[in-house]
Amino acid sequence: VIRGSTPHFDYVAGGSANGLGSVALDYDIPVING
């Protein structure tokens, strides 16, 4: 995710990170945010 001139970057980066963290905890499996 490469920052552009709009706030889209923040929504995509934050949403992806939060979603991946939730999957790891919900399914008890390592989900690595790369």
All heavy atoms as atom14 arrays in JSON, in Angstrom:
{
  "sequence": "VIRGSTPHFDYVAGGSANGLGSVALDYDIPVING",
  "atom14_mask": [
    [1, 1, 1, 1, 1, 1, 1, 0, 0, 0, 0, 0, 0, 0],
    [1, 1, 1, 1, 1, 1, 1, 1, 0, 0, 0, 0, 0, 0],
    [1, 1, 1, 1, 1, 1, 1, 1, 1, 1, 1, 0, 0, 0],
    [1, 1, 1, 1, 0, 0, 0, 0, 0, 0, 0, 0, 0, 0],
    [1, 1, 1, 1, 1, 1, 0, 0, 0, 0, 0, 0, 0, 0],
    [1, 1, 1, 1, 1, 1, 1, 0, 0, 0, 0, 0, 0, 0],
    [1, 1, 1, 1, 1, 1, 1, 0, 0, 0, 0, 0, 0, 0],
    [1, 1, 1, 1, 1, 1, 1, 1, 1, 1, 0, 0, 0, 0],
    [1, 1, 1, 1, 1, 1, 1, 1, 1, 1, 1, 0, 0, 0],
    [1, 1, 1, 1, 1, 1, 1, 1, 0, 0, 0, 0, 0, 0],
    [1, 1, 1, 1, 1, 1, 1, 1, 1, 1, 1, 1, 0, 0],
    [1, 1, 1, 1, 1, 1, 1, 0, 0, 0, 0, 0, 0, 0],
    [1, 1, 1, 1, 1, 0, 0, 0, 0, 0, 0, 0, 0, 0],
    [1, 1, 1, 1, 0, 0, 0, 0, 0, 0, 0, 0, 0, 0],
    [1, 1, 1, 1, 0, 0, 0, 0, 0, 0, 0, 0, 0, 0],
    [1, 1, 1, 1, 1, 1, 0, 0, 0, 0, 0, 0, 0, 0],
    [1, 1, 1, 1, 1, 0, 0, 0, 0, 0, 0, 0, 0, 0],
    [1, 1, 1, 1, 1, 1, 1, 1, 0, 0, 0, 0, 0, 0],
    [1, 1, 1, 1, 0, 0, 0, 0, 0, 0, 0, 0, 0, 0],
    [1, 1, 1, 1, 1, 1, 1, 1, 0, 0, 0, 0, 0, 0],
    [1, 1, 1, 1, 0, 0, 0, 0, 0, 0, 0, 0, 0, 0],
    [1, 1, 1, 1, 1, 1, 0, 0, 0, 0, 0, 0, 0, 0],
    [1, 1, 1, 1, 1, 1, 1, 0, 0, 0, 0, 0, 0, 0],
    [1, 1, 1, 1, 1, 0, 0, 0, 0, 0, 0, 0, 0, 0],
    [1, 1, 1, 1, 1, 1, 1, 1, 0, 0, 0, 0, 0, 0],
    [1, 1, 1, 1, 1, 1, 1, 1, 0, 0, 0, 0, 0, 0],
    [1, 1, 1, 1, 1, 1, 1, 1, 1, 1, 1, 1, 0, 0],
    [1, 1, 1, 1, 1, 1, 1, 1, 0, 0, 0, 0, 0, 0],
    [1, 1, 1, 1, 1, 1, 1, 1, 0, 0, 0, 0, 0, 0],
    [1, 1, 1, 1, 1, 1, 1, 0, 0, 0, 0, 0, 0, 0],
    [1, 1, 1, 1, 1, 1, 1, 0, 0, 0, 0, 0, 0, 0],
    [1, 1, 1, 1, 1, 1, 1, 1, 0, 0, 0, 0, 0, 0],
    [1, 1, 1, 1, 1, 1, 1, 1, 0, 0, 0, 0, 0, 0],
    [1, 1, 1, 1, 0, 0, 0, 0, 0, 0, 0, 0, 0, 0]
  ],
  "atom14_positions": [
    [[0.88, -1.17, 0.0], [0.0, 0.0, 0.0], [0.92, 1.22, 0.0], [1.69, 1.43, 0.94], [-0.93, 0.02, 1.24], [-1.88, 1.2, 1.16], [-1.71, -1.29, 1.35], [0.0, 0.0, 0.0], [0.0, 0.0, 0.0], [0.0, 0.0, 0.0], [0.0, 0.0, 0.0], [0.0, 0.0, 0.0], [0.0, 0.0, 0.0], [0.0, 0.0, 0.0]],
    [[0.84, 1.98, -1.07], [1.7, 3.15, -1.25], [0.85, 4.4, -1.13], [-0.18, 4.53, -1.81], [2.43, 3.08, -2.61], [3.24, 1.79, -2.69], [3.32, 4.31, -2.8], [3.8, 1.48, -4.07], [0.0, 0.0, 0.0], [0.0, 0.0, 0.0], [0.0, 0.0, 0.0], [0.0, 0.0, 0.0], [0.0, 0.0, 0.0], [0.0, 0.0, 0.0]],
    [[1.27, 5.31, -0.26], [0.48, 6.52, 0.0], [0.31, 7.35, -1.28], [1.24, 7.54, -2.04], [1.13, 7.38, 1.08], [0.24, 8.55, 1.49], [0.84, 9.4, 2.57], [1.03, 8.7, 3.83], [0.07, 8.48, 4.73], [-1.15, 8.87, 4.5], [0.36, 7.87, 5.86], [0.0, 0.0, 0.0], [0.0, 0.0, 0.0], [0.0, 0.0, 0.0]],
    [[-0.9, 7.81, -1.45], [-1.2, 8.74, -2.54], [-1.61, 10.08, -1.95], [-1.27, 10.38, -0.8], [0.0, 0.0, 0.0], [0.0, 0.0, 0.0], [0.0, 0.0, 0.0], [0.0, 0.0, 0.0], [0.0, 0.0, 0.0], [0.0, 0.0, 0.0], [0.0, 0.0, 0.0], [0.0, 0.0, 0.0], [0.0, 0.0, 0.0], [0.0, 0.0, 0.0]],
    [[-2.37, 10.84, -2.69], [-2.74, 12.18, -2.23], [-4.1, 12.2, -1.54], [-4.59, 13.28, -1.18], [-2.75, 13.14, -3.43], [-3.65, 12.66, -4.41], [0.0, 0.0, 0.0], [0.0, 0.0, 0.0], [0.0, 0.0, 0.0], [0.0, 0.0, 0.0], [0.0, 0.0, 0.0], [0.0, 0.0, 0.0], [0.0, 0.0, 0.0], [0.0, 0.0, 0.0]],
    [[-4.7, 11.04, -1.31], [-6.0, 10.99, -0.63], [-5.88, 10.12, 0.63], [-4.9, 9.38, 0.79], [-7.08, 10.36, -1.55], [-6.77, 8.97, -1.74], [-7.14, 11.07, -2.9], [0.0, 0.0, 0.0], [0.0, 0.0, 0.0], [0.0, 0.0, 0.0], [0.0, 0.0, 0.0], [0.0, 0.0, 0.0], [0.0, 0.0, 0.0], [0.0, 0.0, 0.0]],
    [[-6.87, 10.15, 1.51], [-6.81, 9.33, 2.72], [-7.07, 7.84, 2.48], [-7.08, 7.06, 3.42], [-7.89, 9.93, 3.62], [-8.78, 10.71, 2.73], [-7.99, 11.08, 1.52], [0.0, 0.0, 0.0], [0.0, 0.0, 0.0], [0.0, 0.0, 0.0], [0.0, 0.0, 0.0], [0.0, 0.0, 0.0], [0.0, 0.0, 0.0], [0.0, 0.0, 0.0]],
    [[-7.26, 7.43, 1.24], [-7.51, 6.03, 0.9], [-6.46, 5.1, 1.51], [-6.77, 4.02, 2.01], [-7.56, 5.87, -0.62], [-7.89, 4.49, -1.09], [-9.14, 3.94, -0.93], [-7.13, 3.55, -1.69], [-9.14, 2.72, -1.43], [-7.93, 2.46, -1.9], [0.0, 0.0, 0.0], [0.0, 0.0, 0.0], [0.0, 0.0, 0.0], [0.0, 0.0, 0.0]],
    [[-5.21, 5.54, 1.49], [-4.09, 4.78, 2.06], [-4.39, 4.36, 3.49], [-4.2, 3.21, 3.87], [-2.83, 5.65, 2.01], [-1.65, 5.1, 2.77], [-0.7, 4.31, 2.14], [-1.47, 5.4, 4.12], [0.4, 3.82, 2.84], [-0.38, 4.92, 4.82], [0.55, 4.13, 4.17], [0.0, 0.0, 0.0], [0.0, 0.0, 0.0], [0.0, 0.0, 0.0]],
    [[-4.84, 5.31, 4.3], [-5.09, 5.03, 5.73], [-6.17, 4.0, 5.92], [-6.06, 3.13, 6.79], [-5.46, 6.33, 6.45], [-4.33, 7.35, 6.38], [-3.17, 6.97, 6.65], [-4.62, 8.53, 6.06], [0.0, 0.0, 0.0], [0.0, 0.0, 0.0], [0.0, 0.0, 0.0], [0.0, 0.0, 0.0], [0.0, 0.0, 0.0], [0.0, 0.0, 0.0]],
    [[-7.23, 4.07, 5.12], [-8.32, 3.11, 5.25], [-7.88, 1.71, 4.84], [-8.19, 0.73, 5.51], [-9.53, 3.53, 4.41], [-10.13, 4.84, 4.87], [-10.11, 5.96, 4.04], [-10.7, 4.96, 6.13], [-10.64, 7.16, 4.46], [-11.24, 6.15, 6.56], [-11.21, 7.26, 5.72], [-11.73, 8.44, 6.15], [0.0, 0.0, 0.0], [0.0, 0.0, 0.0]],
    [[-7.15, 1.62, 3.75], [-6.71, 0.31, 3.26], [-5.69, -0.3, 4.22], [-5.82, -1.46, 4.62], [-6.14, 0.41, 1.83], [-5.51, -0.91, 1.4], [-7.23, 0.81, 0.85], [0.0, 0.0, 0.0], [0.0, 0.0, 0.0], [0.0, 0.0, 0.0], [0.0, 0.0, 0.0], [0.0, 0.0, 0.0], [0.0, 0.0, 0.0], [0.0, 0.0, 0.0]],
    [[-4.69, 0.47, 4.61], [-3.65, -0.04, 5.49], [-4.22, -0.44, 6.85], [-3.96, -1.54, 7.35], [-2.53, 0.99, 5.66], [0.0, 0.0, 0.0], [0.0, 0.0, 0.0], [0.0, 0.0, 0.0], [0.0, 0.0, 0.0], [0.0, 0.0, 0.0], [0.0, 0.0, 0.0], [0.0, 0.0, 0.0], [0.0, 0.0, 0.0], [0.0, 0.0, 0.0]],
    [[-5.02, 0.42, 7.44], [-5.61, 0.13, 8.75], [-6.6, -1.01, 8.7], [-6.59, -1.9, 9.56], [0.0, 0.0, 0.0], [0.0, 0.0, 0.0], [0.0, 0.0, 0.0], [0.0, 0.0, 0.0], [0.0, 0.0, 0.0], [0.0, 0.0, 0.0], [0.0, 0.0, 0.0], [0.0, 0.0, 0.0], [0.0, 0.0, 0.0], [0.0, 0.0, 0.0]],
    [[-7.46, -1.0, 7.69], [-8.46, -2.06, 7.56], [-7.83, -3.43, 7.36], [-8.26, -4.42, 7.95], [0.0, 0.0, 0.0], [0.0, 0.0, 0.0], [0.0, 0.0, 0.0], [0.0, 0.0, 0.0], [0.0, 0.0, 0.0], [0.0, 0.0, 0.0], [0.0, 0.0, 0.0], [0.0, 0.0, 0.0], [0.0, 0.0, 0.0], [0.0, 0.0, 0.0]],
    [[-6.8, -3.47, 6.55], [-6.11, -4.75, 6.3], [-5.44, -5.26, 7.57], [-5.58, -6.44, 7.92], [-5.05, -4.57, 5.21], [-5.65, -4.22, 3.99], [0.0, 0.0, 0.0], [0.0, 0.0, 0.0], [0.0, 0.0, 0.0], [0.0, 0.0, 0.0], [0.0, 0.0, 0.0], [0.0, 0.0, 0.0], [0.0, 0.0, 0.0], [0.0, 0.0, 0.0]],
    [[-4.73, -4.39, 8.25], [-4.03, -4.8, 9.47], [-5.02, -5.28, 10.54], [-4.81, -6.34, 11.15], [-3.18, -3.65, 10.0], [0.0, 0.0, 0.0], [0.0, 0.0, 0.0], [0.0, 0.0, 0.0], [0.0, 0.0, 0.0], [0.0, 0.0, 0.0], [0.0, 0.0, 0.0], [0.0, 0.0, 0.0], [0.0, 0.0, 0.0], [0.0, 0.0, 0.0]],
    [[-6.07, -4.53, 10.74], [-7.07, -4.93, 11.74], [-7.74, -6.24, 11.37], [-7.95, -7.11, 12.23], [-8.12, -3.83, 11.91], [-7.55, -2.6, 12.58], [-6.58, -2.65, 13.31], [-8.18, -1.45, 12.3], [0.0, 0.0, 0.0], [0.0, 0.0, 0.0], [0.0, 0.0, 0.0], [0.0, 0.0, 0.0], [0.0, 0.0, 0.0], [0.0, 0.0, 0.0]],
    [[-8.07, -6.4, 10.11], [-8.72, -7.63, 9.66], [-7.84, -8.85, 9.83], [-8.29, -9.89, 10.29], [0.0, 0.0, 0.0], [0.0, 0.0, 0.0], [0.0, 0.0, 0.0], [0.0, 0.0, 0.0], [0.0, 0.0, 0.0], [0.0, 0.0, 0.0], [0.0, 0.0, 0.0], [0.0, 0.0, 0.0], [0.0, 0.0, 0.0], [0.0, 0.0, 0.0]],
    [[-6.56, -8.72, 9.48], [-5.63, -9.84, 9.62], [-5.44, -10.22, 11.09], [-5.41, -11.41, 11.43], [-4.29, -9.51, 8.97], [-4.32, -9.36, 7.45], [-2.98, -8.83, 6.95], [-4.69, -10.66, 6.76], [0.0, 0.0, 0.0], [0.0, 0.0, 0.0], [0.0, 0.0, 0.0], [0.0, 0.0, 0.0], [0.0, 0.0, 0.0], [0.0, 0.0, 0.0]],
    [[-5.35, -9.22, 11.94], [-5.22, -9.5, 13.37], [-6.44, -10.23, 13.91], [-6.31, -11.16, 14.73], [0.0, 0.0, 0.0], [0.0, 0.0, 0.0], [0.0, 0.0, 0.0], [0.0, 0.0, 0.0], [0.0, 0.0, 0.0], [0.0, 0.0, 0.0], [0.0, 0.0, 0.0], [0.0, 0.0, 0.0], [0.0, 0.0, 0.0], [0.0, 0.0, 0.0]],
    [[-7.61, -9.84, 13.46], [-8.84, -10.51, 13.9], [-8.87, -11.96, 13.46], [-9.28, -12.83, 14.22], [-10.07, -9.78, 13.34], [-10.19, -8.51, 13.93], [0.0, 0.0, 0.0], [0.0, 0.0, 0.0], [0.0, 0.0, 0.0], [0.0, 0.0, 0.0], [0.0, 0.0, 0.0], [0.0, 0.0, 0.0], [0.0, 0.0, 0.0], [0.0, 0.0, 0.0]],
    [[-8.45, -12.22, 12.23], [-8.43, -13.6, 11.73], [-7.52, -14.46, 12.6], [-7.89, -15.58, 12.99], [-7.99, -13.67, 10.26], [-7.79, -15.11, 9.8], [-9.02, -12.97, 9.36], [0.0, 0.0, 0.0], [0.0, 0.0, 0.0], [0.0, 0.0, 0.0], [0.0, 0.0, 0.0], [0.0, 0.0, 0.0], [0.0, 0.0, 0.0], [0.0, 0.0, 0.0]],
    [[-6.35, -13.95, 12.93], [-5.41, -14.72, 13.76], [-6.04, -15.09, 15.09], [-5.96, -16.25, 15.52], [-4.13, -13.92, 13.98], [0.0, 0.0, 0.0], [0.0, 0.0, 0.0], [0.0, 0.0, 0.0], [0.0, 0.0, 0.0], [0.0, 0.0, 0.0], [0.0, 0.0, 0.0], [0.0, 0.0, 0.0], [0.0, 0.0, 0.0], [0.0, 0.0, 0.0]],
    [[-6.67, -14.14, 15.73], [-7.26, -14.41, 17.05], [-8.53, -15.26, 16.95], [-8.74, -16.15, 17.77], [-7.56, -13.08, 17.75], [-6.32, -12.26, 18.1], [-6.73, -10.91, 18.69], [-5.39, -13.01, 19.04], [0.0, 0.0, 0.0], [0.0, 0.0, 0.0], [0.0, 0.0, 0.0], [0.0, 0.0, 0.0], [0.0, 0.0, 0.0], [0.0, 0.0, 0.0]],
    [[-9.34, -15.0, 15.94], [-10.58, -15.77, 15.79], [-10.35, -17.23, 15.45], [-11.1, -18.1, 15.87], [-11.48, -15.15, 14.71], [-12.06, -13.8, 15.11], [-11.99, -13.44, 16.31], [-12.59, -13.11, 14.22], [0.0, 0.0, 0.0], [0.0, 0.0, 0.0], [0.0, 0.0, 0.0], [0.0, 0.0, 0.0], [0.0, 0.0, 0.0], [0.0, 0.0, 0.0]],
    [[-9.28, -17.5, 14.69], [-9.03, -18.87, 14.22], [-7.83, -19.53, 14.9], [-7.5, -20.67, 14.56], [-8.86, -18.88, 12.7], [-10.18, -18.67, 12.0], [-10.65, -17.39, 11.73], [-10.98, -19.75, 11.66], [-11.88, -17.19, 11.12], [-12.2, -19.57, 11.04], [-12.64, -18.28, 10.78], [-13.85, -18.09, 10.17], [0.0, 0.0, 0.0], [0.0, 0.0, 0.0]],
    [[-7.19, -18.84, 15.81], [-6.07, -19.41, 16.56], [-4.99, -19.95, 15.62], [-4.53, -21.09, 15.73], [-6.57, -20.52, 17.5], [-5.53, -20.91, 18.53], [-4.74, -20.05, 18.94], [-5.49, -22.1, 18.91], [0.0, 0.0, 0.0], [0.0, 0.0, 0.0], [0.0, 0.0, 0.0], [0.0, 0.0, 0.0], [0.0, 0.0, 0.0], [0.0, 0.0, 0.0]],
    [[-4.59, -19.11, 14.68], [-3.57, -19.47, 13.69], [-2.7, -18.24, 13.44], [-3.21, -17.11, 13.42], [-4.22, -19.96, 12.37], [-3.17, -20.44, 11.36], [-5.11, -18.9, 11.76], [-3.77, -21.09, 10.12], [0.0, 0.0, 0.0], [0.0, 0.0, 0.0], [0.0, 0.0, 0.0], [0.0, 0.0, 0.0], [0.0, 0.0, 0.0], [0.0, 0.0, 0.0]],
    [[-1.39, -18.43, 13.27], [-0.56, -17.27, 12.94], [-0.96, -16.69, 11.59], [-1.01, -17.41, 10.58], [0.86, -17.85, 12.89], [0.8, -19.14, 13.62], [-0.6, -19.65, 13.44], [0.0, 0.0, 0.0], [0.0, 0.0, 0.0], [0.0, 0.0, 0.0], [0.0, 0.0, 0.0], [0.0, 0.0, 0.0], [0.0, 0.0, 0.0], [0.0, 0.0, 0.0]],
    [[-1.28, -15.41, 11.59], [-1.54, -14.67, 10.35], [-0.54, -13.54, 10.35], [-0.63, -12.6, 11.15], [-2.99, -14.14, 10.29], [-3.2, -13.35, 9.01], [-3.99, -15.29, 10.4], [0.0, 0.0, 0.0], [0.0, 0.0, 0.0], [0.0, 0.0, 0.0], [0.0, 0.0, 0.0], [0.0, 0.0, 0.0], [0.0, 0.0, 0.0], [0.0, 0.0, 0.0]],
    [[0.43, -13.63, 9.47], [1.55, -12.71, 9.46], [1.26, -11.57, 8.49], [1.0, -11.79, 7.31], [2.86, -13.43, 9.05], [3.05, -14.73, 9.83], [4.04, -12.47, 9.2], [2.92, -14.64, 11.33], [0.0, 0.0, 0.0], [0.0, 0.0, 0.0], [0.0, 0.0, 0.0], [0.0, 0.0, 0.0], [0.0, 0.0, 0.0], [0.0, 0.0, 0.0]],
    [[1.33, -10.35, 9.02], [1.07, -9.17, 8.21], [2.36, -8.76, 7.52], [3.21, -8.09, 8.1], [0.54, -8.03, 9.09], [0.15, -6.81, 8.28], [0.46, -6.71, 7.1], [-0.53, -5.89, 8.91], [0.0, 0.0, 0.0], [0.0, 0.0, 0.0], [0.0, 0.0, 0.0], [0.0, 0.0, 0.0], [0.0, 0.0, 0.0], [0.0, 0.0, 0.0]],
    [[2.49, -9.16, 6.26], [3.63, -8.79, 5.44], [3.26, -7.73, 4.41], [3.87, -7.65, 3.35], [0.0, 0.0, 0.0], [0.0, 0.0, 0.0], [0.0, 0.0, 0.0], [0.0, 0.0, 0.0], [0.0, 0.0, 0.0], [0.0, 0.0, 0.0], [0.0, 0.0, 0.0], [0.0, 0.0, 0.0], [0.0, 0.0, 0.0], [0.0, 0.0, 0.0]]
  ]
}
